Amino acid sequence: MKGTARAAGHDLYANEGTDVPGRGQAIVGTGIAMGLPHNTNGRIAPRSSRAVKHRLTINAGVIDSDYRGEVNLVLANLGDKPYRVEKGDRIAQLIIETIDNRALQEVTQFDETERGDQGFGSSNTTMDQKVKGREAKPNMDINEISARPFGQFYRRGETPGILRSHEVDNEILLEAINISTELAIKTKRTTKSRT
């Protein structure tokens, strides 16, 4: 059910009463299952009114087209006070999206772009000027990483960082590197070498 004719999302309702602790989360059942068309997925998005008034959001939010079980929501409370969800409350919205199911291809280099490898904050006005004056790195090795080790690093919830690989006895070992820590170490080394 949509709130208005042009609304992007379909409203999702709680099928049970649940307490969501402050700074915690709870799984809330919706009592519905669905069969989404091939090449689509259902994205669970928070309701803006609950996000603004009660600091409630959604953790985990993709329903694959081949999933046939009940749609359960991970409702996260970013506030300090517990929140009570009552049966029948509108708690989230479902947005059906088209996805690209083409197979991914491993490459050894990217095409050059104006932005290059500039990440966080690089698309604002002041950063754009810096990026234009900097050459993009044309060659970048892309190493394959299986889903399991990547998922282990991703689910840690640490500060965003990078993965560095080392080959030891024909085995690839992965190491999580915190970008800010790495930069601090390099800066400290540079400072010491100047003194």
N, C-alpha and C. Protein backbone atom coordinates (compact mmCIF):
# COMPACT_ATOMS: atom_id res chain seq x y z
N MET A 1 0.85 -1.19 0.00
CA MET A 1 0.00 0.00 0.00
C MET A 1 0.89 1.25 0.00
N LYS A 2 0.57 2.21 -0.86
CA LYS A 2 1.32 3.45 -0.93
C LYS A 2 0.54 4.59 -0.28
N GLY A 3 1.30 5.52 0.31
CA GLY A 3 0.66 6.67 0.95
C GLY A 3 0.03 7.61 -0.05
N THR A 4 0.68 7.79 -1.21
CA THR A 4 0.14 8.62 -2.29
C THR A 4 0.41 7.92 -3.62
N ALA A 5 -0.23 8.41 -4.68
CA ALA A 5 -0.10 7.77 -5.99
C ALA A 5 1.34 7.79 -6.51
N ARG A 6 2.10 8.83 -6.18
CA ARG A 6 3.47 8.95 -6.70
C ARG A 6 4.53 8.55 -5.68
N ALA A 7 4.14 7.99 -4.59
CA ALA A 7 5.11 7.57 -3.56
C ALA A 7 6.00 6.46 -4.13
N ALA A 8 7.29 6.53 -3.81
CA ALA A 8 8.24 5.51 -4.30
C ALA A 8 8.09 4.20 -3.55
N GLY A 9 7.76 4.28 -2.26
CA GLY A 9 7.74 3.09 -1.43
C GLY A 9 6.36 2.61 -1.05
N HIS A 10 6.26 1.31 -0.82
CA HIS A 10 5.05 0.68 -0.29
C HIS A 10 5.20 0.60 1.22
N ASP A 11 4.21 1.02 1.96
CA ASP A 11 4.30 1.00 3.42
C ASP A 11 4.36 -0.43 3.96
N LEU A 12 5.19 -0.62 4.97
CA LEU A 12 5.29 -1.91 5.66
C LEU A 12 4.84 -1.71 7.10
N TYR A 13 4.05 -2.65 7.60
CA TYR A 13 3.44 -2.53 8.92
C TYR A 13 3.96 -3.61 9.86
N ALA A 14 4.05 -3.28 11.12
CA ALA A 14 4.46 -4.26 12.13
C ALA A 14 3.33 -5.26 12.34
N ASN A 15 3.69 -6.53 12.39
CA ASN A 15 2.71 -7.58 12.62
C ASN A 15 2.66 -7.99 14.08
N GLU A 16 3.45 -7.30 14.90
CA GLU A 16 3.53 -7.64 16.31
C GLU A 16 4.06 -6.44 17.09
N GLY A 17 3.77 -6.40 18.37
CA GLY A 17 4.32 -5.36 19.22
C GLY A 17 5.73 -5.73 19.65
N THR A 18 6.63 -4.77 19.60
CA THR A 18 8.04 -5.03 19.92
C THR A 18 8.66 -3.81 20.58
N ASP A 19 9.52 -4.03 21.56
CA ASP A 19 10.28 -2.94 22.16
C ASP A 19 11.65 -2.87 21.51
N VAL A 20 12.04 -1.66 21.09
CA VAL A 20 13.36 -1.44 20.51
C VAL A 20 14.16 -0.65 21.53
N PRO A 21 15.18 -1.25 22.13
CA PRO A 21 15.93 -0.56 23.19
C PRO A 21 16.71 0.65 22.65
N GLY A 22 16.94 1.61 23.53
CA GLY A 22 17.76 2.75 23.15
C GLY A 22 19.15 2.29 22.76
N ARG A 23 19.67 2.84 21.68
CA ARG A 23 20.98 2.47 21.15
C ARG A 23 21.05 0.98 20.80
N GLY A 24 19.89 0.39 20.51
CA GLY A 24 19.85 -1.04 20.17
C GLY A 24 18.98 -1.28 18.95
N GLN A 25 18.66 -2.53 18.73
CA GLN A 25 17.83 -2.88 17.59
C GLN A 25 16.95 -4.08 17.92
N ALA A 26 15.93 -4.29 17.09
CA ALA A 26 15.02 -5.41 17.27
C ALA A 26 14.51 -5.85 15.90
N ILE A 27 14.23 -7.13 15.78
CA ILE A 27 13.65 -7.66 14.55
C ILE A 27 12.14 -7.60 14.68
N VAL A 28 11.51 -7.01 13.67
CA VAL A 28 10.05 -6.83 13.68
C VAL A 28 9.47 -7.54 12.46
N GLY A 29 8.56 -8.46 12.68
CA GLY A 29 7.91 -9.16 11.58
C GLY A 29 6.83 -8.31 10.93
N THR A 30 6.64 -8.52 9.62
CA THR A 30 5.59 -7.79 8.90
C THR A 30 4.39 -8.67 8.58
N GLY A 31 4.57 -9.98 8.69
CA GLY A 31 3.46 -10.89 8.40
C GLY A 31 3.20 -11.09 6.92
N ILE A 32 4.11 -10.60 6.05
CA ILE A 32 3.91 -10.75 4.61
C ILE A 32 5.13 -11.43 3.97
N ALA A 33 4.89 -12.09 2.86
CA ALA A 33 5.94 -12.64 2.01
C ALA A 33 5.64 -12.17 0.60
N MET A 34 6.62 -12.20 -0.28
CA MET A 34 6.39 -11.71 -1.64
C MET A 34 7.26 -12.45 -2.63
N GLY A 35 6.85 -12.41 -3.88
CA GLY A 35 7.64 -12.96 -4.98
C GLY A 35 7.94 -11.83 -5.93
N LEU A 36 9.12 -11.27 -5.84
CA LEU A 36 9.49 -10.13 -6.68
C LEU A 36 9.90 -10.61 -8.07
N PRO A 37 9.69 -9.78 -9.10
CA PRO A 37 10.09 -10.17 -10.46
C PRO A 37 11.59 -10.37 -10.57
N HIS A 38 12.00 -11.20 -11.53
CA HIS A 38 13.43 -11.43 -11.80
C HIS A 38 14.08 -10.09 -12.15
N ASN A 39 15.36 -9.94 -11.81
CA ASN A 39 16.13 -8.72 -12.04
C ASN A 39 15.60 -7.52 -11.24
N THR A 40 14.96 -7.80 -10.12
CA THR A 40 14.58 -6.73 -9.20
C THR A 40 14.98 -7.15 -7.79
N ASN A 41 14.99 -6.18 -6.89
CA ASN A 41 15.12 -6.49 -5.46
C ASN A 41 14.25 -5.51 -4.71
N GLY A 42 13.92 -5.85 -3.49
CA GLY A 42 13.15 -4.95 -2.65
C GLY A 42 14.09 -4.28 -1.65
N ARG A 43 14.18 -2.96 -1.68
CA ARG A 43 15.03 -2.25 -0.73
C ARG A 43 14.15 -1.73 0.40
N ILE A 44 14.50 -2.08 1.63
CA ILE A 44 13.77 -1.61 2.80
C ILE A 44 14.37 -0.27 3.23
N ALA A 45 13.56 0.74 3.26
CA ALA A 45 14.02 2.08 3.63
C ALA A 45 13.27 2.55 4.87
N PRO A 46 13.90 3.38 5.69
CA PRO A 46 13.21 3.89 6.88
C PRO A 46 12.13 4.89 6.49
N ARG A 47 11.20 5.09 7.38
CA ARG A 47 10.19 6.14 7.19
C ARG A 47 10.77 7.44 7.75
N SER A 48 10.70 8.49 6.97
CA SER A 48 11.32 9.75 7.38
C SER A 48 10.71 10.30 8.66
N SER A 49 9.40 10.13 8.86
CA SER A 49 8.76 10.67 10.07
C SER A 49 9.31 9.99 11.32
N ARG A 50 9.50 8.69 11.28
CA ARG A 50 10.04 7.97 12.45
C ARG A 50 11.52 8.29 12.65
N ALA A 51 12.23 8.50 11.55
CA ALA A 51 13.65 8.85 11.65
C ALA A 51 13.81 10.21 12.32
N VAL A 52 13.00 11.18 11.93
CA VAL A 52 13.11 12.53 12.48
C VAL A 52 12.60 12.60 13.92
N LYS A 53 11.42 12.05 14.17
CA LYS A 53 10.80 12.18 15.50
C LYS A 53 11.38 11.23 16.54
N HIS A 54 11.75 10.03 16.12
CA HIS A 54 12.15 9.01 17.10
C HIS A 54 13.54 8.41 16.87
N ARG A 55 14.26 8.90 15.84
CA ARG A 55 15.61 8.42 15.52
C ARG A 55 15.64 6.92 15.22
N LEU A 56 14.59 6.45 14.53
CA LEU A 56 14.52 5.04 14.15
C LEU A 56 14.93 4.88 12.69
N THR A 57 15.73 3.87 12.40
CA THR A 57 16.16 3.60 11.04
C THR A 57 16.15 2.10 10.80
N ILE A 58 16.60 1.70 9.64
CA ILE A 58 16.60 0.28 9.27
C ILE A 58 18.04 -0.21 9.10
N ASN A 59 18.37 -1.33 9.72
CA ASN A 59 19.64 -2.01 9.49
C ASN A 59 19.36 -3.20 8.60
N ALA A 60 20.16 -3.40 7.58
CA ALA A 60 19.97 -4.49 6.60
C ALA A 60 18.67 -4.25 5.87
N GLY A 61 18.72 -4.25 4.57
CA GLY A 61 17.49 -3.90 3.88
C GLY A 61 17.38 -4.30 2.44
N VAL A 62 17.77 -5.52 2.08
CA VAL A 62 17.62 -5.98 0.70
C VAL A 62 16.86 -7.30 0.70
N ILE A 63 15.79 -7.36 -0.09
CA ILE A 63 15.03 -8.60 -0.27
C ILE A 63 15.31 -9.09 -1.68
N ASP A 64 15.93 -10.26 -1.80
CA ASP A 64 16.24 -10.82 -3.10
C ASP A 64 14.98 -11.37 -3.76
N SER A 65 14.98 -11.40 -5.10
CA SER A 65 13.78 -11.82 -5.83
C SER A 65 13.45 -13.31 -5.63
N ASP A 66 14.44 -14.10 -5.17
CA ASP A 66 14.16 -15.53 -4.96
C ASP A 66 13.80 -15.85 -3.51
N TYR A 67 13.71 -14.85 -2.65
CA TYR A 67 13.34 -15.08 -1.24
C TYR A 67 11.82 -15.21 -1.12
N ARG A 68 11.37 -16.22 -0.40
CA ARG A 68 9.93 -16.46 -0.28
C ARG A 68 9.43 -16.48 1.16
N GLY A 69 10.29 -16.16 2.11
CA GLY A 69 9.86 -16.18 3.51
C GLY A 69 9.25 -14.85 3.94
N GLU A 70 8.92 -14.78 5.22
CA GLU A 70 8.33 -13.55 5.77
C GLU A 70 9.36 -12.42 5.72
N VAL A 71 8.90 -11.24 5.41
CA VAL A 71 9.76 -10.06 5.41
C VAL A 71 9.87 -9.57 6.85
N ASN A 72 11.08 -9.70 7.40
CA ASN A 72 11.35 -9.20 8.75
C ASN A 72 12.26 -7.98 8.66
N LEU A 73 12.05 -7.02 9.51
CA LEU A 73 12.82 -5.79 9.49
C LEU A 73 13.72 -5.70 10.70
N VAL A 74 14.93 -5.18 10.50
CA VAL A 74 15.83 -4.91 11.62
C VAL A 74 15.69 -3.42 11.92
N LEU A 75 14.90 -3.12 12.92
CA LEU A 75 14.64 -1.73 13.29
C LEU A 75 15.68 -1.29 14.31
N ALA A 76 16.42 -0.22 13.98
CA ALA A 76 17.49 0.27 14.85
C ALA A 76 17.07 1.59 15.49
N ASN A 77 17.31 1.69 16.79
CA ASN A 77 16.98 2.89 17.55
C ASN A 77 18.27 3.65 17.84
N LEU A 78 18.45 4.79 17.18
CA LEU A 78 19.66 5.59 17.37
C LEU A 78 19.55 6.53 18.56
N GLY A 79 18.37 6.59 19.16
CA GLY A 79 18.16 7.44 20.33
C GLY A 79 18.53 6.74 21.62
N ASP A 80 18.50 7.49 22.71
CA ASP A 80 18.84 6.93 24.02
C ASP A 80 17.67 6.24 24.70
N LYS A 81 16.44 6.63 24.34
CA LYS A 81 15.25 6.08 25.00
C LYS A 81 14.69 4.89 24.23
N PRO A 82 14.15 3.90 24.93
CA PRO A 82 13.52 2.77 24.24
C PRO A 82 12.29 3.24 23.47
N TYR A 83 11.94 2.50 22.41
CA TYR A 83 10.77 2.86 21.60
C TYR A 83 9.88 1.63 21.46
N ARG A 84 8.58 1.83 21.64
CA ARG A 84 7.62 0.73 21.55
C ARG A 84 6.94 0.74 20.19
N VAL A 85 7.09 -0.35 19.45
CA VAL A 85 6.39 -0.53 18.18
C VAL A 85 5.12 -1.31 18.47
N GLU A 86 4.00 -0.78 18.05
CA GLU A 86 2.72 -1.46 18.25
C GLU A 86 2.31 -2.19 16.98
N LYS A 87 1.56 -3.26 17.12
CA LYS A 87 1.04 -3.99 15.96
C LYS A 87 0.22 -3.04 15.10
N GLY A 88 0.50 -3.04 13.80
CA GLY A 88 -0.23 -2.17 12.87
C GLY A 88 0.47 -0.86 12.58
N ASP A 89 1.57 -0.55 13.31
CA ASP A 89 2.33 0.68 13.04
C ASP A 89 3.03 0.58 11.68
N ARG A 90 3.02 1.69 10.95
CA ARG A 90 3.82 1.77 9.71
C ARG A 90 5.26 2.02 10.14
N ILE A 91 6.14 1.07 9.84
CA ILE A 91 7.50 1.17 10.37
C ILE A 91 8.59 1.30 9.32
N ALA A 92 8.28 1.03 8.07
CA ALA A 92 9.29 1.12 7.02
C ALA A 92 8.59 1.19 5.68
N GLN A 93 9.38 1.27 4.62
CA GLN A 93 8.80 1.25 3.28
C GLN A 93 9.63 0.36 2.37
N LEU A 94 8.95 -0.27 1.43
CA LEU A 94 9.58 -1.17 0.47
C LEU A 94 9.66 -0.48 -0.87
N ILE A 95 10.87 -0.36 -1.41
CA ILE A 95 11.07 0.24 -2.73
C ILE A 95 11.58 -0.86 -3.66
N ILE A 96 10.84 -1.12 -4.72
CA ILE A 96 11.23 -2.17 -5.66
C ILE A 96 12.14 -1.56 -6.72
N GLU A 97 13.34 -2.14 -6.87
CA GLU A 97 14.34 -1.58 -7.76
C GLU A 97 14.77 -2.60 -8.81
N THR A 98 15.09 -2.11 -9.99
CA THR A 98 15.67 -2.95 -11.03
C THR A 98 17.15 -3.09 -10.76
N ILE A 99 17.69 -4.28 -10.93
CA ILE A 99 19.11 -4.51 -10.70
C ILE A 99 19.78 -5.07 -11.95
N ASP A 100 21.08 -4.93 -12.02
CA ASP A 100 21.87 -5.42 -13.15
C ASP A 100 22.51 -6.74 -12.73
N ASN A 101 22.09 -7.84 -13.34
CA ASN A 101 22.58 -9.16 -12.97
C ASN A 101 23.70 -9.67 -13.87
N ARG A 102 24.31 -8.78 -14.65
CA ARG A 102 25.41 -9.23 -15.49
C ARG A 102 26.59 -9.69 -14.63
N ALA A 103 27.33 -10.67 -15.12
CA ALA A 103 28.48 -11.18 -14.37
C ALA A 103 29.56 -10.11 -14.30
N LEU A 104 30.24 -10.03 -13.16
CA LEU A 104 31.34 -9.09 -13.00
C LEU A 104 32.59 -9.62 -13.67
N GLN A 105 33.39 -8.73 -14.19
CA GLN A 105 34.60 -9.13 -14.90
C GLN A 105 35.81 -8.55 -14.18
N GLU A 106 36.82 -9.39 -13.94
CA GLU A 106 38.04 -8.93 -13.30
C GLU A 106 38.93 -8.25 -14.33
N VAL A 107 39.48 -7.08 -13.97
CA VAL A 107 40.35 -6.33 -14.87
C VAL A 107 41.64 -5.98 -14.16
N THR A 108 42.66 -5.62 -14.93
CA THR A 108 43.94 -5.24 -14.33
C THR A 108 44.16 -3.74 -14.35
N GLN A 109 43.33 -2.99 -15.10
CA GLN A 109 43.44 -1.54 -15.04
C GLN A 109 42.11 -0.90 -15.42
N PHE A 110 41.91 0.34 -14.94
CA PHE A 110 40.71 1.10 -15.24
C PHE A 110 40.98 2.11 -16.35
N ASP A 111 39.91 2.58 -16.97
CA ASP A 111 40.06 3.71 -17.87
C ASP A 111 40.26 4.97 -17.02
N GLU A 112 40.90 5.97 -17.60
CA GLU A 112 41.17 7.20 -16.87
C GLU A 112 39.92 8.06 -16.78
N THR A 113 39.72 8.68 -15.62
CA THR A 113 38.61 9.62 -15.43
C THR A 113 39.15 10.87 -14.76
N GLU A 114 38.39 11.94 -14.82
CA GLU A 114 38.81 13.19 -14.21
C GLU A 114 38.92 13.03 -12.70
N ARG A 115 38.03 12.25 -12.11
CA ARG A 115 38.03 12.08 -10.66
C ARG A 115 39.13 11.15 -10.18
N GLY A 116 39.44 10.14 -10.97
CA GLY A 116 40.48 9.19 -10.57
C GLY A 116 40.10 8.45 -9.31
N ASP A 117 41.04 8.39 -8.34
CA ASP A 117 40.80 7.63 -7.11
C ASP A 117 40.40 8.51 -5.94
N GLN A 118 39.93 9.73 -6.21
CA GLN A 118 39.54 10.64 -5.14
C GLN A 118 38.19 10.21 -4.57
N GLY A 119 38.16 9.95 -3.27
CA GLY A 119 36.96 9.38 -2.64
C GLY A 119 36.15 10.38 -1.87
N PHE A 120 36.03 10.16 -0.56
CA PHE A 120 35.14 10.93 0.30
C PHE A 120 35.37 12.43 0.16
N GLY A 121 34.28 13.18 -0.11
CA GLY A 121 34.35 14.63 -0.16
C GLY A 121 34.96 15.19 -1.42
N SER A 122 35.30 14.33 -2.38
CA SER A 122 36.01 14.83 -3.56
C SER A 122 35.08 15.47 -4.59
N SER A 123 33.77 15.33 -4.42
CA SER A 123 32.88 15.89 -5.42
C SER A 123 32.34 17.26 -5.04
N ASN A 124 32.80 17.84 -3.91
CA ASN A 124 32.35 19.20 -3.60
C ASN A 124 33.19 20.20 -4.38
N THR A 125 32.79 21.47 -4.36
CA THR A 125 33.39 22.48 -5.24
C THR A 125 34.88 22.65 -5.01
N THR A 126 35.32 22.75 -3.75
CA THR A 126 36.74 22.99 -3.50
C THR A 126 37.58 21.79 -3.88
N MET A 127 37.07 20.60 -3.64
CA MET A 127 37.84 19.41 -3.99
C MET A 127 37.90 19.21 -5.50
N ASP A 128 36.83 19.62 -6.24
CA ASP A 128 36.83 19.46 -7.69
C ASP A 128 38.03 20.16 -8.30
N GLN A 129 38.37 21.35 -7.78
CA GLN A 129 39.49 22.11 -8.32
C GLN A 129 40.80 21.36 -8.09
N LYS A 130 40.92 20.73 -6.93
CA LYS A 130 42.15 19.98 -6.64
C LYS A 130 42.25 18.73 -7.52
N VAL A 131 41.10 18.06 -7.73
CA VAL A 131 41.11 16.84 -8.52
C VAL A 131 41.48 17.13 -9.97
N LYS A 132 41.00 18.25 -10.50
CA LYS A 132 41.28 18.59 -11.90
C LYS A 132 42.78 18.76 -12.15
N GLY A 133 43.48 19.27 -11.15
CA GLY A 133 44.90 19.51 -11.31
C GLY A 133 45.75 18.29 -11.02
N ARG A 134 45.13 17.20 -10.64
CA ARG A 134 45.87 15.99 -10.25
C ARG A 134 45.65 14.90 -11.29
N GLU A 135 46.69 14.23 -11.68
CA GLU A 135 46.56 13.18 -12.69
C GLU A 135 45.96 11.93 -12.08
N ALA A 136 45.06 11.30 -12.81
CA ALA A 136 44.49 10.03 -12.36
C ALA A 136 45.53 8.94 -12.51
N LYS A 137 45.44 7.94 -11.67
CA LYS A 137 46.36 6.81 -11.77
C LYS A 137 45.80 5.84 -12.80
N PRO A 138 46.47 5.69 -13.95
CA PRO A 138 45.90 4.86 -15.03
C PRO A 138 45.94 3.37 -14.72
N ASN A 139 46.93 2.93 -13.96
CA ASN A 139 47.06 1.49 -13.69
C ASN A 139 46.78 1.20 -12.23
N MET A 140 45.86 0.29 -11.99
CA MET A 140 45.55 -0.11 -10.63
C MET A 140 45.27 -1.60 -10.63
N ASP A 141 46.00 -2.35 -9.87
CA ASP A 141 45.78 -3.79 -9.81
C ASP A 141 44.50 -4.08 -9.04
N ILE A 142 43.65 -4.89 -9.60
CA ILE A 142 42.41 -5.30 -8.95
C ILE A 142 42.57 -6.77 -8.59
N ASN A 143 42.58 -7.06 -7.32
CA ASN A 143 42.75 -8.44 -6.87
C ASN A 143 41.42 -9.02 -6.47
N GLU A 144 41.20 -10.26 -6.85
CA GLU A 144 39.95 -10.93 -6.52
C GLU A 144 39.91 -11.27 -5.03
N ILE A 145 38.78 -11.08 -4.43
CA ILE A 145 38.59 -11.46 -3.03
C ILE A 145 37.26 -12.18 -2.93
N SER A 146 37.23 -13.31 -2.29
CA SER A 146 36.00 -14.09 -2.20
C SER A 146 35.05 -13.43 -1.22
N ALA A 147 33.79 -13.81 -1.29
CA ALA A 147 32.75 -13.17 -0.48
C ALA A 147 32.97 -13.37 1.01
N ARG A 148 33.43 -14.55 1.41
CA ARG A 148 33.57 -14.83 2.84
C ARG A 148 34.58 -13.91 3.55
N PRO A 149 35.85 -13.83 3.08
CA PRO A 149 36.77 -12.93 3.79
C PRO A 149 36.36 -11.46 3.69
N PHE A 150 35.78 -11.06 2.54
CA PHE A 150 35.35 -9.67 2.44
C PHE A 150 34.24 -9.38 3.45
N GLY A 151 33.30 -10.31 3.57
CA GLY A 151 32.21 -10.14 4.51
C GLY A 151 32.69 -10.05 5.95
N GLN A 152 33.72 -10.84 6.29
CA GLN A 152 34.26 -10.80 7.65
C GLN A 152 34.81 -9.42 7.97
N PHE A 153 35.54 -8.81 7.03
CA PHE A 153 36.07 -7.47 7.25
C PHE A 153 34.96 -6.43 7.27
N TYR A 154 34.00 -6.57 6.35
CA TYR A 154 32.93 -5.58 6.21
C TYR A 154 32.05 -5.53 7.45
N ARG A 155 31.77 -6.71 8.04
CA ARG A 155 30.84 -6.76 9.17
C ARG A 155 31.46 -6.33 10.49
N ARG A 156 32.75 -6.03 10.51
CA ARG A 156 33.37 -5.61 11.76
C ARG A 156 32.83 -4.29 12.28
N GLY A 157 32.34 -3.44 11.38
CA GLY A 157 31.81 -2.15 11.78
C GLY A 157 32.89 -1.16 12.18
N GLU A 158 34.10 -1.34 11.66
CA GLU A 158 35.19 -0.45 12.01
C GLU A 158 35.14 0.81 11.15
N THR A 159 36.03 1.76 11.47
CA THR A 159 36.17 2.95 10.65
C THR A 159 36.52 2.51 9.23
N PRO A 160 35.91 3.18 8.19
CA PRO A 160 36.20 2.77 6.82
C PRO A 160 37.70 2.74 6.56
N GLY A 161 38.14 1.72 5.88
CA GLY A 161 39.56 1.57 5.61
C GLY A 161 39.79 0.82 4.32
N ILE A 162 40.94 0.24 4.17
CA ILE A 162 41.28 -0.51 2.98
C ILE A 162 41.81 -1.87 3.38
N LEU A 163 41.86 -2.76 2.42
CA LEU A 163 42.44 -4.07 2.65
C LEU A 163 43.78 -4.14 1.94
N ARG A 164 44.80 -4.62 2.63
CA ARG A 164 46.11 -4.80 2.03
C ARG A 164 46.38 -6.30 1.99
N SER A 165 46.91 -6.77 0.87
CA SER A 165 47.16 -8.20 0.75
C SER A 165 48.65 -8.49 0.77
N HIS A 166 49.01 -9.63 1.32
CA HIS A 166 50.39 -10.12 1.35
C HIS A 166 50.36 -11.56 0.89
N GLU A 167 51.32 -11.94 0.07
CA GLU A 167 51.41 -13.33 -0.36
C GLU A 167 52.46 -14.03 0.47
N VAL A 168 52.04 -15.06 1.22
CA VAL A 168 52.94 -15.83 2.06
C VAL A 168 52.74 -17.30 1.73
N ASP A 169 53.80 -17.95 1.29
CA ASP A 169 53.73 -19.37 0.93
C ASP A 169 52.58 -19.67 -0.01
N ASN A 170 52.49 -18.89 -1.08
CA ASN A 170 51.45 -19.05 -2.10
C ASN A 170 50.03 -18.87 -1.58
N GLU A 171 49.88 -18.18 -0.45
CA GLU A 171 48.55 -17.92 0.11
C GLU A 171 48.39 -16.41 0.30
N ILE A 172 47.25 -15.90 -0.11
CA ILE A 172 46.98 -14.47 0.03
C ILE A 172 46.40 -14.20 1.41
N LEU A 173 47.08 -13.36 2.18
CA LEU A 173 46.60 -12.96 3.50
C LEU A 173 46.09 -11.53 3.42
N LEU A 174 44.95 -11.28 4.04
CA LEU A 174 44.35 -9.94 4.02
C LEU A 174 44.55 -9.25 5.35
N GLU A 175 44.79 -7.95 5.28
CA GLU A 175 44.99 -7.15 6.48
C GLU A 175 44.17 -5.87 6.35
N ALA A 176 43.35 -5.57 7.35
CA ALA A 176 42.55 -4.35 7.32
C ALA A 176 43.41 -3.18 7.76
N ILE A 177 43.45 -2.14 6.95
CA ILE A 177 44.25 -0.96 7.26
C ILE A 177 43.31 0.23 7.44
N ASN A 178 43.39 0.85 8.59
CA ASN A 178 42.61 2.07 8.83
C ASN A 178 43.32 3.21 8.13
N ILE A 179 42.64 3.88 7.20
CA ILE A 179 43.28 4.91 6.39
C ILE A 179 43.87 6.02 7.24
N SER A 180 43.09 6.53 8.21
CA SER A 180 43.58 7.64 9.02
C SER A 180 44.80 7.23 9.84
N THR A 181 44.81 5.99 10.34
CA THR A 181 45.97 5.50 11.11
C THR A 181 47.19 5.40 10.22
N GLU A 182 47.00 4.87 9.01
CA GLU A 182 48.10 4.72 8.07
C GLU A 182 48.71 6.08 7.72
N LEU A 183 47.85 7.07 7.51
CA LEU A 183 48.33 8.41 7.19
C LEU A 183 49.08 9.01 8.38
N ALA A 184 48.57 8.78 9.58
CA ALA A 184 49.22 9.30 10.78
C ALA A 184 50.62 8.70 10.94
N ILE A 185 50.74 7.40 10.67
CA ILE A 185 52.04 6.73 10.77
C ILE A 185 53.01 7.31 9.75
N LYS A 186 52.54 7.49 8.51
CA LYS A 186 53.39 8.05 7.47
C LYS A 186 53.83 9.47 7.82
N THR A 187 52.89 10.27 8.34
CA THR A 187 53.20 11.65 8.72
C THR A 187 54.24 11.67 9.82
N LYS A 188 54.09 10.79 10.80
CA LYS A 188 55.03 10.73 11.93
C LYS A 188 56.42 10.34 11.44
N ARG A 189 56.48 9.37 10.51
CA ARG A 189 57.76 8.95 9.95
C ARG A 189 58.44 10.11 9.22
N THR A 190 57.63 10.84 8.43
CA THR A 190 58.18 11.96 7.65
C THR A 190 58.72 13.04 8.58
N THR A 191 57.96 13.33 9.66
CA THR A 191 58.37 14.35 10.63
C THR A 191 59.67 13.95 11.31
N LYS A 192 59.79 12.68 11.70
CA LYS A 192 61.01 12.20 12.39
C LYS A 192 62.21 12.28 11.45
N SER A 193 62.01 11.95 10.17
CA SER A 193 63.14 11.95 9.25
C SER A 193 63.65 13.37 8.96
N ARG A 194 62.79 14.37 9.14
CA ARG A 194 63.19 15.75 8.92
C ARG A 194 63.96 16.33 10.10
N THR A 195 63.72 15.79 11.31
CA THR A 195 64.38 16.33 12.51
C THR A 195 65.75 15.73 12.73
